Amino acid sequence: MKADKREYNELSRAIDRVSEGLDSVIELYNELEEDKPIIKLDDQVLTQLEEAKEKYGEEFIDKKLNSLVKEALSWLELPTEEE
């Protein structure tokens, strides 16, 4: 393939941009951490959660679930921040 100086320079810059983009993707890949769910919910519960969020809104359901989890955790003897 033949190219004049302008085409050569444009191709060189394009290669540099692709290389920079690939370096960014590799950096993101290297920084990945495994996403481990805090609570493993079964399929039925997940389906009901999705339906509830559609009906009542995500913010409302998240607030209610956080309240329920806080209440359930208060029943356990967990170490305090001072311990």
C-alpha atoms as a PDB file:
ATOM      1  CA  MET A   1       0.000   0.000   0.000  1.00  0.00           C
ATOM      2  CA  LYS A   2       1.325   3.408  -0.901  1.00  0.00           C
ATOM      3  CA  ALA A   3       0.655   6.617   0.983  1.00  0.00           C
ATOM      4  CA  ASP A   4       1.761  10.215   0.725  1.00  0.00           C
ATOM      5  CA  LYS A   5       3.247  12.059   3.716  1.00  0.00           C
ATOM      6  CA  ARG A   6      -0.160  13.415   4.867  1.00  0.00           C
ATOM      7  CA  GLU A   7      -1.786   9.962   4.766  1.00  0.00           C
ATOM      8  CA  TYR A   8       1.224   8.477   6.520  1.00  0.00           C
ATOM      9  CA  ASN A   9       0.973  11.087   9.317  1.00  0.00           C
ATOM     10  CA  GLU A  10      -2.793  10.614   9.693  1.00  0.00           C
ATOM     11  CA  LEU A  11      -2.369   6.848   9.906  1.00  0.00           C
ATOM     12  CA  SER A  12       0.431   7.253  12.432  1.00  0.00           C
ATOM     13  CA  ARG A  13      -1.748   9.515  14.627  1.00  0.00           C
ATOM     14  CA  ALA A  14      -4.653   7.069  14.341  1.00  0.00           C
ATOM     15  CA  ILE A  15      -2.391   4.212  15.439  1.00  0.00           C
ATOM     16  CA  ASP A  16      -1.201   6.317  18.399  1.00  0.00           C
ATOM     17  CA  ARG A  17      -4.819   6.999  19.455  1.00  0.00           C
ATOM     18  CA  VAL A  18      -5.742   3.311  19.156  1.00  0.00           C
ATOM     19  CA  SER A  19      -2.663   2.400  21.191  1.00  0.00           C
ATOM     20  CA  GLU A  20      -3.575   4.937  23.910  1.00  0.00           C
ATOM     21  CA  GLY A  21      -7.135   3.585  23.987  1.00  0.00           C
ATOM     22  CA  LEU A  22      -5.873   0.024  24.291  1.00  0.00           C
ATOM     23  CA  ASP A  23      -3.545   1.072  27.121  1.00  0.00           C
ATOM     24  CA  SER A  24      -6.539   2.608  28.941  1.00  0.00           C
ATOM     25  CA  VAL A  25      -8.590  -0.564  28.502  1.00  0.00           C
ATOM     26  CA  ILE A  26      -5.699  -2.703  29.768  1.00  0.00           C
ATOM     27  CA  GLU A  27      -5.301  -0.421  32.790  1.00  0.00           C
ATOM     28  CA  LEU A  28      -9.025  -0.711  33.598  1.00  0.00           C
ATOM     29  CA  TYR A  29      -8.838  -4.485  33.186  1.00  0.00           C
ATOM     30  CA  ASN A  30      -5.860  -4.718  35.541  1.00  0.00           C
ATOM     31  CA  GLU A  31      -7.728  -2.696  38.194  1.00  0.00           C
ATOM     32  CA  LEU A  32     -10.852  -4.898  38.100  1.00  0.00           C
ATOM     33  CA  GLU A  33     -11.985  -6.499  41.321  1.00  0.00           C
ATOM     34  CA  GLU A  34     -14.388  -9.390  41.605  1.00  0.00           C
ATOM     35  CA  ASP A  35     -17.906  -8.222  42.375  1.00  0.00           C
ATOM     36  CA  LYS A  36     -19.189 -10.393  45.202  1.00  0.00           C
ATOM     37  CA  PRO A  37     -22.851  -9.924  46.107  1.00  0.00           C
ATOM     38  CA  ILE A  38     -23.446  -9.100  49.769  1.00  0.00           C
ATOM     39  CA  ILE A  39     -26.712 -11.013  49.815  1.00  0.00           C
ATOM     40  CA  LYS A  40     -27.479 -13.919  47.499  1.00  0.00           C
ATOM     41  CA  LEU A  41     -31.115 -13.566  46.532  1.00  0.00           C
ATOM     42  CA  ASP A  42     -32.993 -16.351  44.795  1.00  0.00           C
ATOM     43  CA  ASP A  43     -34.580 -15.830  41.394  1.00  0.00           C
ATOM     44  CA  GLN A  44     -38.112 -15.413  42.757  1.00  0.00           C
ATOM     45  CA  VAL A  45     -37.015 -12.628  45.127  1.00  0.00           C
ATOM     46  CA  LEU A  46     -35.086 -10.889  42.341  1.00  0.00           C
ATOM     47  CA  THR A  47     -38.150 -10.993  40.108  1.00  0.00           C
ATOM     48  CA  GLN A  48     -40.342  -9.580  42.878  1.00  0.00           C
ATOM     49  CA  LEU A  49     -37.790  -6.838  43.562  1.00  0.00           C
ATOM     50  CA  GLU A  50     -37.761  -5.826  39.912  1.00  0.00           C
ATOM     51  CA  GLU A  51     -41.562  -5.722  39.846  1.00  0.00           C
ATOM     52  CA  ALA A  52     -41.703  -3.707  43.067  1.00  0.00           C
ATOM     53  CA  LYS A  53     -39.152  -1.201  41.763  1.00  0.00           C
ATOM     54  CA  GLU A  54     -41.155  -0.776  38.572  1.00  0.00           C
ATOM     55  CA  LYS A  55     -44.373  -0.240  40.529  1.00  0.00           C
ATOM     56  CA  TYR A  56     -43.126   1.892  43.456  1.00  0.00           C
ATOM     57  CA  GLY A  57     -39.837   3.271  42.186  1.00  0.00           C
ATOM     58  CA  GLU A  58     -36.272   2.248  42.884  1.00  0.00           C
ATOM     59  CA  GLU A  59     -35.602   4.894  45.545  1.00  0.00           C
ATOM     60  CA  PHE A  60     -38.663   3.918  47.605  1.00  0.00           C
ATOM     61  CA  ILE A  61     -37.869   0.179  47.513  1.00  0.00           C
ATOM     62  CA  ASP A  62     -34.180   0.772  48.317  1.00  0.00           C
ATOM     63  CA  LYS A  63     -35.170   2.874  51.327  1.00  0.00           C
ATOM     64  CA  LYS A  64     -37.590   0.213  52.589  1.00  0.00           C
ATOM     65  CA  LEU A  65     -35.073  -2.612  52.117  1.00  0.00           C
ATOM     66  CA  ASN A  66     -32.356  -0.663  53.918  1.00  0.00           C
ATOM     67  CA  SER A  67     -34.720  -0.137  56.843  1.00  0.00           C
ATOM     68  CA  LEU A  68     -35.551  -3.842  56.960  1.00  0.00           C
ATOM     69  CA  VAL A  69     -31.901  -4.906  56.817  1.00  0.00           C
ATOM     70  CA  LYS A  70     -30.934  -2.420  59.544  1.00  0.00           C
ATOM     71  CA  GLU A  71     -33.717  -3.793  61.752  1.00  0.00           C
ATOM     72  CA  ALA A  72     -32.666  -7.406  61.122  1.00  0.00           C
ATOM     73  CA  LEU A  73     -29.026  -6.599  61.855  1.00  0.00           C
ATOM     74  CA  SER A  74     -30.005  -4.897  65.106  1.00  0.00           C
ATOM     75  CA  TRP A  75     -31.186  -8.302  66.352  1.00  0.00           C
ATOM     76  CA  LEU A  76     -27.641  -9.665  66.058  1.00  0.00           C
ATOM     77  CA  GLU A  77     -24.824  -9.075  68.492  1.00  0.00           C
ATOM     78  CA  LEU A  78     -22.416  -7.317  66.180  1.00  0.00           C
ATOM     79  CA  PRO A  79     -19.214  -5.602  67.319  1.00  0.00           C
ATOM     80  CA  THR A  80     -19.543  -1.843  67.609  1.00  0.00           C
ATOM     81  CA  GLU A  81     -17.165   0.630  66.000  1.00  0.00           C
ATOM     82  CA  GLU A  82     -15.519   1.173  69.389  1.00  0.00           C
ATOM     83  CA  GLU A  83     -14.595  -2.510  69.625  1.00  0.00           C
END
